[in-house]
Amino acid sequence: MNQRCAKIFLVRHGQSAWNQEKRITGQCNPPLSEKGERQAQVLAHVLHEQPLTAIYTSTLQRAQQTARPTSLTHGLPLQTQEALNEIHLGVLQGRFRDARDPEAQRMWEQRGEDKLAFRAPEGETYHELRHRVLPCLRAIIKEAQKGAVLIVGHRNTNRVLLGELLQWPLEVAAATNIKSTYLYEVSYTPQPHVRTICLAETRIGRVREGFYA
């Protein structure tokens, strides 16, 4: 990866209708819930003074809907990237991850025991996800040399992105709890620096900072 300074804002999409229902989404395409739409507005509010030069999202509507208010505020088009789509979870997609679907619940628990190697039937592994995401990240980092960029992705996509930007071991990245209530501001340098900005409506703009070797 290029080691020159770049600033990348990274956020997970807002709550979707299926998140609200505790359904496994993967690459299915539900819209945002009402809460998710509010979260999208909060994101635009937090970023309204940032000199963004590009906005990237997956091709899934929940990511695009999350980015759209920020896109309108900055007058920037959404650059959709299929490589940023969520991990494909095969036969688990669309199913409930609790006692309403015992078979899916069992497979979901198995996935939690080994997120790197787990593959749902007809799905992909974390390693395969990483293989398709990283070339896209390299192209985005080049764009970020011109100014700050925003990436609106998904829980597992963002694990790959954040782990690579902060040089984390794969096991650490795969286990990171990526929530839609946090915006990560990453200064991509030889010693990466990240600010974690809380997007909860009652705590907009609260910041934590950290350095990662």
N, C-alpha and C. Protein backbone atom coordinates (compact mmCIF):
# COMPACT_ATOMS: atom_id res chain seq x y z
N MET A 1 0.83 -1.21 0.00
CA MET A 1 0.00 0.00 0.00
C MET A 1 0.88 1.27 0.00
N ASN A 2 0.38 2.30 -0.65
CA ASN A 2 1.07 3.59 -0.66
C ASN A 2 1.09 4.16 0.76
N GLN A 3 2.23 4.68 1.18
CA GLN A 3 2.36 5.14 2.56
C GLN A 3 2.31 6.67 2.68
N ARG A 4 1.98 7.41 1.60
CA ARG A 4 1.81 8.85 1.73
C ARG A 4 0.55 9.16 2.52
N CYS A 5 0.46 10.40 3.02
CA CYS A 5 -0.67 10.78 3.86
C CYS A 5 -1.96 10.83 3.05
N ALA A 6 -3.01 10.23 3.58
CA ALA A 6 -4.34 10.29 2.99
C ALA A 6 -5.34 10.31 4.12
N LYS A 7 -6.45 11.03 3.93
CA LYS A 7 -7.50 11.05 4.94
C LYS A 7 -8.74 10.35 4.39
N ILE A 8 -9.17 9.33 5.12
CA ILE A 8 -10.32 8.54 4.69
C ILE A 8 -11.33 8.47 5.82
N PHE A 9 -12.55 8.87 5.53
CA PHE A 9 -13.67 8.69 6.46
C PHE A 9 -14.37 7.39 6.10
N LEU A 10 -14.56 6.56 7.10
CA LEU A 10 -15.16 5.24 6.87
C LEU A 10 -16.35 5.05 7.80
N VAL A 11 -17.48 4.65 7.24
CA VAL A 11 -18.68 4.45 8.06
C VAL A 11 -19.48 3.29 7.51
N ARG A 12 -20.14 2.59 8.39
CA ARG A 12 -21.09 1.56 7.99
C ARG A 12 -22.42 2.23 7.66
N HIS A 13 -23.19 1.62 6.76
CA HIS A 13 -24.52 2.14 6.44
C HIS A 13 -25.38 2.22 7.70
N GLY A 14 -26.40 3.08 7.65
CA GLY A 14 -27.34 3.18 8.76
C GLY A 14 -28.18 1.91 8.90
N GLN A 15 -28.95 1.87 9.96
CA GLN A 15 -29.79 0.69 10.21
C GLN A 15 -30.71 0.42 9.02
N SER A 16 -30.72 -0.83 8.58
CA SER A 16 -31.62 -1.22 7.49
C SER A 16 -32.89 -1.85 8.07
N ALA A 17 -33.88 -2.02 7.22
CA ALA A 17 -35.12 -2.66 7.65
C ALA A 17 -34.84 -4.07 8.16
N TRP A 18 -33.90 -4.77 7.54
CA TRP A 18 -33.59 -6.14 7.97
C TRP A 18 -32.74 -6.16 9.23
N ASN A 19 -31.87 -5.18 9.43
CA ASN A 19 -31.17 -5.08 10.71
C ASN A 19 -32.19 -4.99 11.84
N GLN A 20 -33.20 -4.20 11.62
CA GLN A 20 -34.25 -4.00 12.62
C GLN A 20 -34.98 -5.30 12.93
N GLU A 21 -35.13 -6.16 11.92
CA GLU A 21 -35.84 -7.43 12.07
C GLU A 21 -34.93 -8.57 12.50
N LYS A 22 -33.62 -8.29 12.65
CA LYS A 22 -32.62 -9.31 13.00
C LYS A 22 -32.55 -10.42 11.95
N ARG A 23 -32.55 -9.97 10.69
CA ARG A 23 -32.38 -10.90 9.58
C ARG A 23 -30.97 -10.76 9.02
N ILE A 24 -30.43 -11.86 8.50
CA ILE A 24 -29.09 -11.88 7.92
C ILE A 24 -29.17 -11.29 6.52
N THR A 25 -28.40 -10.25 6.27
CA THR A 25 -28.57 -9.50 5.03
C THR A 25 -27.59 -9.91 3.94
N GLY A 26 -26.28 -9.90 4.25
CA GLY A 26 -25.30 -10.19 3.21
C GLY A 26 -25.47 -9.27 2.03
N GLN A 27 -25.59 -9.83 0.84
CA GLN A 27 -25.72 -9.04 -0.37
C GLN A 27 -27.16 -8.84 -0.82
N CYS A 28 -28.13 -9.17 0.03
CA CYS A 28 -29.51 -8.80 -0.26
C CYS A 28 -29.63 -7.28 -0.15
N ASN A 29 -30.76 -6.72 -0.57
CA ASN A 29 -30.79 -5.28 -0.82
C ASN A 29 -31.96 -4.55 -0.16
N PRO A 30 -32.16 -4.71 1.16
CA PRO A 30 -33.24 -3.97 1.81
C PRO A 30 -32.88 -2.49 1.95
N PRO A 31 -33.90 -1.62 2.09
CA PRO A 31 -33.65 -0.19 2.28
C PRO A 31 -33.33 0.13 3.73
N LEU A 32 -33.00 1.36 3.99
CA LEU A 32 -32.82 1.83 5.36
C LEU A 32 -34.16 1.86 6.09
N SER A 33 -34.10 1.67 7.40
CA SER A 33 -35.25 1.91 8.26
C SER A 33 -35.37 3.41 8.49
N GLU A 34 -36.41 3.83 9.19
CA GLU A 34 -36.53 5.26 9.54
C GLU A 34 -35.34 5.72 10.38
N LYS A 35 -34.91 4.84 11.29
CA LYS A 35 -33.73 5.18 12.10
C LYS A 35 -32.51 5.34 11.22
N GLY A 36 -32.35 4.45 10.24
CA GLY A 36 -31.22 4.54 9.33
C GLY A 36 -31.22 5.82 8.52
N GLU A 37 -32.41 6.28 8.12
CA GLU A 37 -32.50 7.54 7.39
C GLU A 37 -32.08 8.71 8.27
N ARG A 38 -32.44 8.65 9.54
CA ARG A 38 -32.00 9.71 10.46
C ARG A 38 -30.48 9.67 10.63
N GLN A 39 -29.92 8.46 10.72
CA GLN A 39 -28.47 8.33 10.85
C GLN A 39 -27.75 8.91 9.64
N ALA A 40 -28.33 8.77 8.46
CA ALA A 40 -27.74 9.33 7.25
C ALA A 40 -27.70 10.86 7.34
N GLN A 41 -28.73 11.45 7.90
CA GLN A 41 -28.76 12.90 8.06
C GLN A 41 -27.71 13.37 9.08
N VAL A 42 -27.55 12.58 10.15
CA VAL A 42 -26.53 12.91 11.15
C VAL A 42 -25.14 12.87 10.53
N LEU A 43 -24.88 11.86 9.70
CA LEU A 43 -23.59 11.75 9.03
C LEU A 43 -23.32 12.99 8.18
N ALA A 44 -24.31 13.43 7.43
CA ALA A 44 -24.15 14.63 6.60
C ALA A 44 -23.86 15.86 7.46
N HIS A 45 -24.52 15.94 8.62
CA HIS A 45 -24.30 17.07 9.52
C HIS A 45 -22.87 17.09 10.04
N VAL A 46 -22.37 15.93 10.44
CA VAL A 46 -21.01 15.85 10.99
C VAL A 46 -19.96 16.18 9.94
N LEU A 47 -20.22 15.81 8.69
CA LEU A 47 -19.22 15.99 7.64
C LEU A 47 -19.41 17.25 6.81
N HIS A 48 -20.35 18.11 7.17
CA HIS A 48 -20.71 19.20 6.27
C HIS A 48 -19.57 20.20 6.05
N GLU A 49 -18.62 20.31 6.98
CA GLU A 49 -17.51 21.25 6.80
C GLU A 49 -16.22 20.56 6.34
N GLN A 50 -16.27 19.26 6.15
CA GLN A 50 -15.07 18.55 5.69
C GLN A 50 -14.88 18.73 4.19
N PRO A 51 -13.64 18.95 3.73
CA PRO A 51 -13.39 19.17 2.30
C PRO A 51 -13.32 17.84 1.53
N LEU A 52 -14.44 17.18 1.44
CA LEU A 52 -14.47 15.89 0.74
C LEU A 52 -14.26 16.09 -0.76
N THR A 53 -13.52 15.17 -1.36
CA THR A 53 -13.31 15.21 -2.81
C THR A 53 -13.97 14.04 -3.53
N ALA A 54 -14.39 13.02 -2.78
CA ALA A 54 -15.04 11.86 -3.41
C ALA A 54 -15.81 11.09 -2.35
N ILE A 55 -16.89 10.44 -2.80
CA ILE A 55 -17.72 9.60 -1.93
C ILE A 55 -17.90 8.25 -2.62
N TYR A 56 -17.53 7.19 -1.92
CA TYR A 56 -17.64 5.84 -2.45
C TYR A 56 -18.64 5.04 -1.63
N THR A 57 -19.44 4.23 -2.32
CA THR A 57 -20.35 3.32 -1.63
C THR A 57 -20.35 1.98 -2.36
N SER A 58 -20.95 1.00 -1.72
CA SER A 58 -21.22 -0.25 -2.42
C SER A 58 -22.37 0.00 -3.40
N THR A 59 -22.75 -1.02 -4.14
CA THR A 59 -23.89 -0.90 -5.06
C THR A 59 -25.21 -1.18 -4.37
N LEU A 60 -25.19 -1.50 -3.08
CA LEU A 60 -26.41 -1.84 -2.35
C LEU A 60 -27.09 -0.57 -1.84
N GLN A 61 -28.43 -0.56 -1.89
CA GLN A 61 -29.15 0.69 -1.64
C GLN A 61 -28.99 1.22 -0.22
N ARG A 62 -28.79 0.36 0.75
CA ARG A 62 -28.67 0.87 2.12
C ARG A 62 -27.41 1.72 2.29
N ALA A 63 -26.34 1.37 1.57
CA ALA A 63 -25.12 2.18 1.60
C ALA A 63 -25.31 3.48 0.83
N GLN A 64 -25.94 3.39 -0.34
CA GLN A 64 -26.17 4.60 -1.13
C GLN A 64 -27.11 5.57 -0.43
N GLN A 65 -28.17 5.05 0.21
CA GLN A 65 -29.10 5.91 0.93
C GLN A 65 -28.42 6.60 2.11
N THR A 66 -27.47 5.91 2.74
CA THR A 66 -26.73 6.51 3.85
C THR A 66 -25.84 7.65 3.37
N ALA A 67 -25.25 7.49 2.20
CA ALA A 67 -24.32 8.49 1.67
C ALA A 67 -25.01 9.66 0.99
N ARG A 68 -26.26 9.49 0.57
CA ARG A 68 -26.89 10.50 -0.29
C ARG A 68 -26.99 11.88 0.35
N PRO A 69 -27.41 12.03 1.62
CA PRO A 69 -27.45 13.40 2.19
C PRO A 69 -26.09 14.08 2.18
N THR A 70 -25.02 13.34 2.44
CA THR A 70 -23.67 13.92 2.38
C THR A 70 -23.32 14.28 0.95
N SER A 71 -23.71 13.42 0.01
CA SER A 71 -23.48 13.70 -1.41
C SER A 71 -24.14 14.99 -1.84
N LEU A 72 -25.38 15.20 -1.40
CA LEU A 72 -26.11 16.41 -1.76
C LEU A 72 -25.48 17.65 -1.12
N THR A 73 -25.05 17.51 0.14
CA THR A 73 -24.43 18.63 0.84
C THR A 73 -23.16 19.10 0.14
N HIS A 74 -22.37 18.15 -0.35
CA HIS A 74 -21.07 18.49 -0.95
C HIS A 74 -21.12 18.62 -2.47
N GLY A 75 -22.25 18.28 -3.07
CA GLY A 75 -22.33 18.36 -4.52
C GLY A 75 -21.44 17.35 -5.22
N LEU A 76 -21.29 16.18 -4.59
CA LEU A 76 -20.43 15.13 -5.15
C LEU A 76 -21.28 13.93 -5.57
N PRO A 77 -20.94 13.30 -6.68
CA PRO A 77 -21.68 12.09 -7.08
C PRO A 77 -21.27 10.90 -6.21
N LEU A 78 -22.14 9.92 -6.12
CA LEU A 78 -21.80 8.67 -5.45
C LEU A 78 -21.06 7.78 -6.45
N GLN A 79 -19.89 7.34 -6.06
CA GLN A 79 -19.12 6.42 -6.89
C GLN A 79 -19.34 5.01 -6.35
N THR A 80 -20.22 4.26 -7.00
CA THR A 80 -20.57 2.94 -6.49
C THR A 80 -19.55 1.91 -6.96
N GLN A 81 -19.18 1.04 -6.02
CA GLN A 81 -18.16 0.02 -6.28
C GLN A 81 -18.69 -1.34 -5.84
N GLU A 82 -18.82 -2.26 -6.79
CA GLU A 82 -19.30 -3.60 -6.45
C GLU A 82 -18.36 -4.29 -5.47
N ALA A 83 -17.08 -3.96 -5.55
CA ALA A 83 -16.09 -4.58 -4.65
C ALA A 83 -16.36 -4.25 -3.19
N LEU A 84 -17.11 -3.17 -2.91
CA LEU A 84 -17.41 -2.77 -1.54
C LEU A 84 -18.69 -3.41 -1.01
N ASN A 85 -19.35 -4.25 -1.82
CA ASN A 85 -20.56 -4.93 -1.34
C ASN A 85 -20.23 -5.80 -0.13
N GLU A 86 -21.24 -6.02 0.70
CA GLU A 86 -21.08 -6.85 1.89
C GLU A 86 -20.66 -8.27 1.51
N ILE A 87 -20.09 -9.00 2.45
CA ILE A 87 -19.73 -10.39 2.23
C ILE A 87 -20.96 -11.19 1.81
N HIS A 88 -20.78 -12.10 0.86
CA HIS A 88 -21.90 -12.94 0.42
C HIS A 88 -22.06 -14.08 1.42
N LEU A 89 -23.24 -14.18 1.99
CA LEU A 89 -23.50 -15.18 3.03
C LEU A 89 -24.37 -16.33 2.53
N GLY A 90 -24.43 -16.51 1.23
CA GLY A 90 -25.03 -17.69 0.64
C GLY A 90 -26.45 -17.98 1.11
N VAL A 91 -26.67 -19.22 1.53
CA VAL A 91 -28.02 -19.67 1.91
C VAL A 91 -28.52 -19.01 3.19
N LEU A 92 -27.66 -18.32 3.92
CA LEU A 92 -28.09 -17.64 5.14
C LEU A 92 -28.80 -16.31 4.85
N GLN A 93 -28.60 -15.77 3.67
CA GLN A 93 -29.12 -14.44 3.37
C GLN A 93 -30.65 -14.43 3.39
N GLY A 94 -31.18 -13.44 4.11
CA GLY A 94 -32.63 -13.29 4.23
C GLY A 94 -33.26 -14.05 5.37
N ARG A 95 -32.47 -14.84 6.08
CA ARG A 95 -33.01 -15.68 7.16
C ARG A 95 -32.80 -15.01 8.52
N PHE A 96 -33.61 -15.41 9.47
CA PHE A 96 -33.49 -14.89 10.82
C PHE A 96 -32.31 -15.56 11.52
N ARG A 97 -31.60 -14.78 12.36
CA ARG A 97 -30.42 -15.31 13.04
C ARG A 97 -30.70 -15.67 14.49
N ASP A 98 -31.96 -15.95 14.80
CA ASP A 98 -32.31 -16.32 16.17
C ASP A 98 -33.19 -17.57 16.16
N ALA A 99 -33.88 -17.84 17.25
CA ALA A 99 -34.63 -19.09 17.41
C ALA A 99 -35.76 -19.26 16.40
N ARG A 100 -36.10 -18.23 15.66
CA ARG A 100 -37.13 -18.36 14.62
C ARG A 100 -36.67 -19.26 13.48
N ASP A 101 -35.34 -19.42 13.34
CA ASP A 101 -34.77 -20.27 12.29
C ASP A 101 -33.58 -21.01 12.91
N PRO A 102 -33.83 -22.14 13.59
CA PRO A 102 -32.76 -22.84 14.32
C PRO A 102 -31.57 -23.23 13.45
N GLU A 103 -31.83 -23.66 12.21
CA GLU A 103 -30.72 -24.05 11.34
C GLU A 103 -29.82 -22.85 11.03
N ALA A 104 -30.44 -21.73 10.68
CA ALA A 104 -29.65 -20.53 10.40
C ALA A 104 -28.95 -20.04 11.66
N GLN A 105 -29.62 -20.11 12.79
CA GLN A 105 -29.00 -19.69 14.05
C GLN A 105 -27.77 -20.53 14.35
N ARG A 106 -27.84 -21.82 14.09
CA ARG A 106 -26.70 -22.71 14.34
C ARG A 106 -25.52 -22.35 13.44
N MET A 107 -25.79 -22.13 12.15
CA MET A 107 -24.71 -21.75 11.24
C MET A 107 -24.14 -20.38 11.59
N TRP A 108 -25.00 -19.47 12.03
CA TRP A 108 -24.54 -18.14 12.42
C TRP A 108 -23.60 -18.22 13.62
N GLU A 109 -23.91 -19.09 14.55
CA GLU A 109 -23.04 -19.29 15.71
C GLU A 109 -21.72 -19.92 15.29
N GLN A 110 -21.76 -20.85 14.33
CA GLN A 110 -20.53 -21.46 13.82
C GLN A 110 -19.64 -20.39 13.16
N ARG A 111 -20.26 -19.49 12.45
CA ARG A 111 -19.51 -18.40 11.83
C ARG A 111 -18.80 -17.56 12.89
N GLY A 112 -19.47 -17.32 14.01
CA GLY A 112 -18.86 -16.53 15.07
C GLY A 112 -17.63 -17.18 15.67
N GLU A 113 -17.51 -18.50 15.55
CA GLU A 113 -16.37 -19.21 16.10
C GLU A 113 -15.13 -19.13 15.21
N ASP A 114 -15.31 -18.87 13.92
CA ASP A 114 -14.17 -18.77 13.00
C ASP A 114 -14.56 -17.89 11.81
N LYS A 115 -14.54 -16.57 12.00
CA LYS A 115 -14.99 -15.66 10.95
C LYS A 115 -14.07 -15.63 9.74
N LEU A 116 -12.81 -16.01 9.92
CA LEU A 116 -11.88 -15.99 8.81
C LEU A 116 -12.15 -17.11 7.82
N ALA A 117 -12.44 -18.29 8.30
CA ALA A 117 -12.55 -19.46 7.43
C ALA A 117 -13.98 -19.86 7.12
N PHE A 118 -14.96 -19.38 7.87
CA PHE A 118 -16.34 -19.82 7.69
C PHE A 118 -16.85 -19.47 6.29
N ARG A 119 -17.52 -20.44 5.70
CA ARG A 119 -18.20 -20.21 4.43
C ARG A 119 -19.60 -20.82 4.51
N ALA A 120 -20.62 -20.00 4.43
CA ALA A 120 -21.98 -20.53 4.30
C ALA A 120 -22.10 -21.16 2.92
N PRO A 121 -22.88 -22.22 2.77
CA PRO A 121 -23.09 -22.79 1.44
C PRO A 121 -23.49 -21.70 0.44
N GLU A 122 -22.77 -21.68 -0.69
CA GLU A 122 -22.97 -20.70 -1.77
C GLU A 122 -22.47 -19.30 -1.41
N GLY A 123 -21.76 -19.17 -0.30
CA GLY A 123 -21.25 -17.87 0.11
C GLY A 123 -19.76 -17.75 -0.08
N GLU A 124 -19.15 -16.72 0.54
CA GLU A 124 -17.72 -16.51 0.44
C GLU A 124 -17.10 -16.39 1.83
N THR A 125 -15.81 -16.60 1.91
CA THR A 125 -15.08 -16.48 3.17
C THR A 125 -14.58 -15.05 3.36
N TYR A 126 -14.12 -14.76 4.56
CA TYR A 126 -13.52 -13.45 4.84
C TYR A 126 -12.29 -13.23 3.96
N HIS A 127 -11.50 -14.30 3.75
CA HIS A 127 -10.32 -14.16 2.91
C HIS A 127 -10.71 -13.78 1.48
N GLU A 128 -11.78 -14.38 0.97
CA GLU A 128 -12.24 -14.05 -0.38
C GLU A 128 -12.78 -12.62 -0.44
N LEU A 129 -13.48 -12.21 0.60
CA LEU A 129 -13.94 -10.83 0.69
C LEU A 129 -12.76 -9.88 0.63
N ARG A 130 -11.75 -10.16 1.41
CA ARG A 130 -10.56 -9.31 1.47
C ARG A 130 -9.89 -9.21 0.10
N HIS A 131 -9.86 -10.33 -0.61
CA HIS A 131 -9.22 -10.38 -1.93
C HIS A 131 -9.92 -9.44 -2.91
N ARG A 132 -11.24 -9.29 -2.82
CA ARG A 132 -11.93 -8.40 -3.76
C ARG A 132 -11.96 -6.95 -3.29
N VAL A 133 -11.85 -6.72 -1.97
CA VAL A 133 -11.93 -5.36 -1.45
C VAL A 133 -10.62 -4.59 -1.60
N LEU A 134 -9.49 -5.25 -1.39
CA LEU A 134 -8.22 -4.52 -1.31
C LEU A 134 -7.82 -3.80 -2.60
N PRO A 135 -8.03 -4.36 -3.79
CA PRO A 135 -7.71 -3.57 -4.99
C PRO A 135 -8.52 -2.28 -5.08
N CYS A 136 -9.77 -2.32 -4.64
CA CYS A 136 -10.60 -1.13 -4.62
C CYS A 136 -10.04 -0.11 -3.63
N LEU A 137 -9.60 -0.57 -2.47
CA LEU A 137 -9.02 0.34 -1.48
C LEU A 137 -7.77 1.01 -2.02
N ARG A 138 -6.95 0.30 -2.74
CA ARG A 138 -5.73 0.90 -3.31
C ARG A 138 -6.08 2.07 -4.23
N ALA A 139 -7.12 1.89 -5.04
CA ALA A 139 -7.54 2.97 -5.94
C ALA A 139 -8.10 4.15 -5.16
N ILE A 140 -8.82 3.88 -4.08
CA ILE A 140 -9.39 4.96 -3.26
C ILE A 140 -8.28 5.74 -2.56
N ILE A 141 -7.24 5.06 -2.09
CA ILE A 141 -6.13 5.74 -1.43
C ILE A 141 -5.46 6.72 -2.37
N LYS A 142 -5.34 6.37 -3.64
CA LYS A 142 -4.76 7.30 -4.61
C LYS A 142 -5.61 8.55 -4.73
N GLU A 143 -6.93 8.39 -4.75
CA GLU A 143 -7.84 9.54 -4.81
C GLU A 143 -7.72 10.39 -3.55
N ALA A 144 -7.50 9.74 -2.41
CA ALA A 144 -7.44 10.44 -1.14
C ALA A 144 -6.21 11.34 -1.01
N GLN A 145 -5.23 11.18 -1.90
CA GLN A 145 -4.10 12.10 -1.88
C GLN A 145 -4.54 13.52 -2.26
N LYS A 146 -5.68 13.65 -2.96
CA LYS A 146 -6.17 14.94 -3.41
C LYS A 146 -7.01 15.63 -2.35
N GLY A 147 -7.41 14.91 -1.32
CA GLY A 147 -8.27 15.45 -0.28
C GLY A 147 -9.01 14.32 0.41
N ALA A 148 -9.84 14.65 1.38
CA ALA A 148 -10.53 13.62 2.15
C ALA A 148 -11.59 12.92 1.31
N VAL A 149 -11.75 11.62 1.53
CA VAL A 149 -12.80 10.85 0.86
C VAL A 149 -13.64 10.15 1.92
N LEU A 150 -14.88 9.84 1.54
CA LEU A 150 -15.81 9.11 2.39
C LEU A 150 -16.11 7.77 1.75
N ILE A 151 -16.04 6.70 2.55
CA ILE A 151 -16.46 5.37 2.12
C ILE A 151 -17.62 4.94 3.00
N VAL A 152 -18.75 4.61 2.40
CA VAL A 152 -19.89 4.06 3.13
C VAL A 152 -19.99 2.59 2.74
N GLY A 153 -19.68 1.73 3.68
CA GLY A 153 -19.65 0.30 3.40
C GLY A 153 -20.55 -0.49 4.33
N HIS A 154 -20.07 -1.69 4.66
CA HIS A 154 -20.85 -2.65 5.43
C HIS A 154 -19.99 -3.20 6.56
N ARG A 155 -20.61 -3.94 7.46
CA ARG A 155 -19.88 -4.42 8.64
C ARG A 155 -18.60 -5.15 8.25
N ASN A 156 -18.71 -6.16 7.38
CA ASN A 156 -17.53 -6.97 7.07
C ASN A 156 -16.60 -6.28 6.07
N THR A 157 -17.17 -5.57 5.12
CA THR A 157 -16.34 -4.78 4.21
C THR A 157 -15.47 -3.80 5.00
N ASN A 158 -16.09 -3.14 5.96
CA ASN A 158 -15.36 -2.14 6.73
C ASN A 158 -14.34 -2.76 7.67
N ARG A 159 -14.58 -3.99 8.10
CA ARG A 159 -13.55 -4.69 8.86
C ARG A 159 -12.29 -4.84 8.03
N VAL A 160 -12.45 -5.23 6.78
CA VAL A 160 -11.30 -5.37 5.88
C VAL A 160 -10.61 -4.02 5.68
N LEU A 161 -11.41 -2.99 5.38
CA LEU A 161 -10.84 -1.67 5.10
C LEU A 161 -10.11 -1.10 6.31
N LEU A 162 -10.76 -1.11 7.46
CA LEU A 162 -10.15 -0.54 8.65
C LEU A 162 -8.92 -1.35 9.06
N GLY A 163 -9.01 -2.67 8.97
CA GLY A 163 -7.87 -3.51 9.33
C GLY A 163 -6.66 -3.25 8.46
N GLU A 164 -6.89 -3.05 7.16
CA GLU A 164 -5.78 -2.78 6.25
C GLU A 164 -5.20 -1.39 6.49
N LEU A 165 -6.07 -0.40 6.65
CA LEU A 165 -5.60 0.97 6.85
C LEU A 165 -4.80 1.11 8.15
N LEU A 166 -5.22 0.38 9.19
CA LEU A 166 -4.56 0.49 10.49
C LEU A 166 -3.55 -0.63 10.75
N GLN A 167 -3.33 -1.47 9.72
CA GLN A 167 -2.30 -2.50 9.77
C GLN A 167 -2.55 -3.50 10.90
N TRP A 168 -3.78 -3.89 11.10
CA TRP A 168 -4.15 -4.86 12.13
C TRP A 168 -3.94 -6.29 11.64
N PRO A 169 -3.65 -7.22 12.53
CA PRO A 169 -3.69 -8.64 12.17
C PRO A 169 -5.09 -9.02 11.69
N LEU A 170 -5.18 -10.01 10.82
CA LEU A 170 -6.48 -10.39 10.25
C LEU A 170 -7.48 -10.78 11.34
N GLU A 171 -7.00 -11.48 12.36
CA GLU A 171 -7.90 -11.94 13.42
C GLU A 171 -8.52 -10.76 14.17
N VAL A 172 -7.72 -9.71 14.36
CA VAL A 172 -8.22 -8.51 15.05
C VAL A 172 -9.26 -7.80 14.18
N ALA A 173 -8.94 -7.63 12.90
CA ALA A 173 -9.87 -6.95 12.00
C ALA A 173 -11.19 -7.69 11.90
N ALA A 174 -11.13 -9.01 11.76
CA ALA A 174 -12.34 -9.80 11.58
C ALA A 174 -13.23 -9.80 12.82
N ALA A 175 -12.65 -9.55 13.98
CA ALA A 175 -13.41 -9.56 15.23
C ALA A 175 -13.89 -8.17 15.64
N THR A 176 -13.49 -7.13 14.91
CA THR A 176 -13.85 -5.76 15.29
C THR A 176 -15.35 -5.53 15.13
N ASN A 177 -15.95 -4.93 16.14
CA ASN A 177 -17.38 -4.67 16.13
C ASN A 177 -17.66 -3.34 15.42
N ILE A 178 -18.01 -3.42 14.16
CA ILE A 178 -18.27 -2.23 13.36
C ILE A 178 -19.74 -1.84 13.51
N LYS A 179 -19.99 -0.66 14.06
CA LYS A 179 -21.37 -0.20 14.28
C LYS A 179 -21.66 1.01 13.40
N SER A 180 -22.94 1.19 13.09
CA SER A 180 -23.34 2.34 12.26
C SER A 180 -23.32 3.64 13.05
N THR A 181 -23.10 3.56 14.35
CA THR A 181 -23.05 4.77 15.19
C THR A 181 -21.66 5.38 15.29
N TYR A 182 -20.68 4.83 14.55
CA TYR A 182 -19.32 5.37 14.61
C TYR A 182 -18.80 5.69 13.21
N LEU A 183 -18.20 6.85 13.12
CA LEU A 183 -17.50 7.29 11.92
C LEU A 183 -16.01 7.26 12.22
N TYR A 184 -15.24 6.59 11.38
CA TYR A 184 -13.79 6.50 11.58
C TYR A 184 -13.08 7.46 10.63
N GLU A 185 -12.28 8.35 11.19
CA GLU A 185 -11.47 9.28 10.40
C GLU A 185 -10.03 8.79 10.46
N VAL A 186 -9.57 8.22 9.37
CA VAL A 186 -8.25 7.60 9.34
C VAL A 186 -7.27 8.48 8.58
N SER A 187 -6.19 8.86 9.24
CA SER A 187 -5.06 9.49 8.56
C SER A 187 -4.09 8.38 8.20
N TYR A 188 -4.01 8.08 6.92
CA TYR A 188 -3.25 6.91 6.45
C TYR A 188 -1.80 7.32 6.20
N THR A 189 -0.96 7.00 7.18
CA THR A 189 0.46 7.32 7.17
C THR A 189 1.23 6.08 7.61
N PRO A 190 2.58 6.14 7.61
CA PRO A 190 3.32 4.99 8.12
C PRO A 190 2.92 4.61 9.55
N GLN A 191 2.48 5.59 10.35
CA GLN A 191 1.93 5.29 11.67
C GLN A 191 0.47 5.77 11.67
N PRO A 192 -0.47 4.93 11.28
CA PRO A 192 -1.84 5.38 11.09
C PRO A 192 -2.46 5.96 12.35
N HIS A 193 -3.25 6.98 12.15
CA HIS A 193 -3.93 7.67 13.23
C HIS A 193 -5.42 7.64 12.94
N VAL A 194 -6.23 7.25 13.91
CA VAL A 194 -7.67 7.17 13.70
C VAL A 194 -8.40 7.96 14.78
N ARG A 195 -9.39 8.73 14.37
CA ARG A 195 -10.33 9.36 15.28
C ARG A 195 -11.67 8.64 15.13
N THR A 196 -12.26 8.26 16.23
CA THR A 196 -13.56 7.61 16.21
C THR A 196 -14.60 8.62 16.66
N ILE A 197 -15.52 8.96 15.76
CA ILE A 197 -16.50 10.01 16.01
C ILE A 197 -17.86 9.36 16.23
N CYS A 198 -18.49 9.66 17.37
CA CYS A 198 -19.78 9.08 17.69
C CYS A 198 -20.87 9.80 16.90
N LEU A 199 -21.71 9.02 16.21
CA LEU A 199 -22.80 9.58 15.42
C LEU A 199 -24.15 9.42 16.10
N ALA A 200 -24.17 8.92 17.33
CA ALA A 200 -25.44 8.82 18.05
C ALA A 200 -26.05 10.21 18.15
N GLU A 201 -27.37 10.29 17.93
CA GLU A 201 -28.02 11.61 17.83
C GLU A 201 -27.86 12.44 19.10
N THR A 202 -27.70 11.79 20.23
CA THR A 202 -27.56 12.53 21.49
C THR A 202 -26.12 12.87 21.79
N ARG A 203 -25.17 12.35 20.97
CA ARG A 203 -23.75 12.58 21.26
C ARG A 203 -23.00 12.91 19.98
N ILE A 204 -23.61 13.68 19.09
CA ILE A 204 -23.00 13.97 17.80
C ILE A 204 -21.64 14.65 17.98
N GLY A 205 -20.64 14.10 17.30
CA GLY A 205 -19.33 14.72 17.28
C GLY A 205 -18.41 14.35 18.43
N ARG A 206 -18.85 13.49 19.35
CA ARG A 206 -17.95 13.06 20.41
C ARG A 206 -16.84 12.23 19.79
N VAL A 207 -15.59 12.51 20.16
CA VAL A 207 -14.44 11.95 19.47
C VAL A 207 -13.54 11.17 20.42
N ARG A 208 -13.06 10.02 19.94
CA ARG A 208 -11.95 9.32 20.59
C ARG A 208 -10.82 9.25 19.59
N GLU A 209 -9.59 9.33 20.09
CA GLU A 209 -8.45 9.26 19.18
C GLU A 209 -7.53 8.11 19.57
N GLY A 210 -6.78 7.62 18.58
CA GLY A 210 -5.84 6.55 18.88
C GLY A 210 -4.79 6.42 17.82
N PHE A 211 -3.66 5.86 18.19
CA PHE A 211 -2.58 5.59 17.25
C PHE A 211 -2.39 4.09 17.20
N TYR A 212 -2.10 3.58 16.01
CA TYR A 212 -1.93 2.15 15.83
C TYR A 212 -0.65 1.90 15.07
N ALA A 213 0.17 1.02 15.61
CA ALA A 213 1.43 0.70 14.93
C ALA A 213 1.18 -0.24 13.77
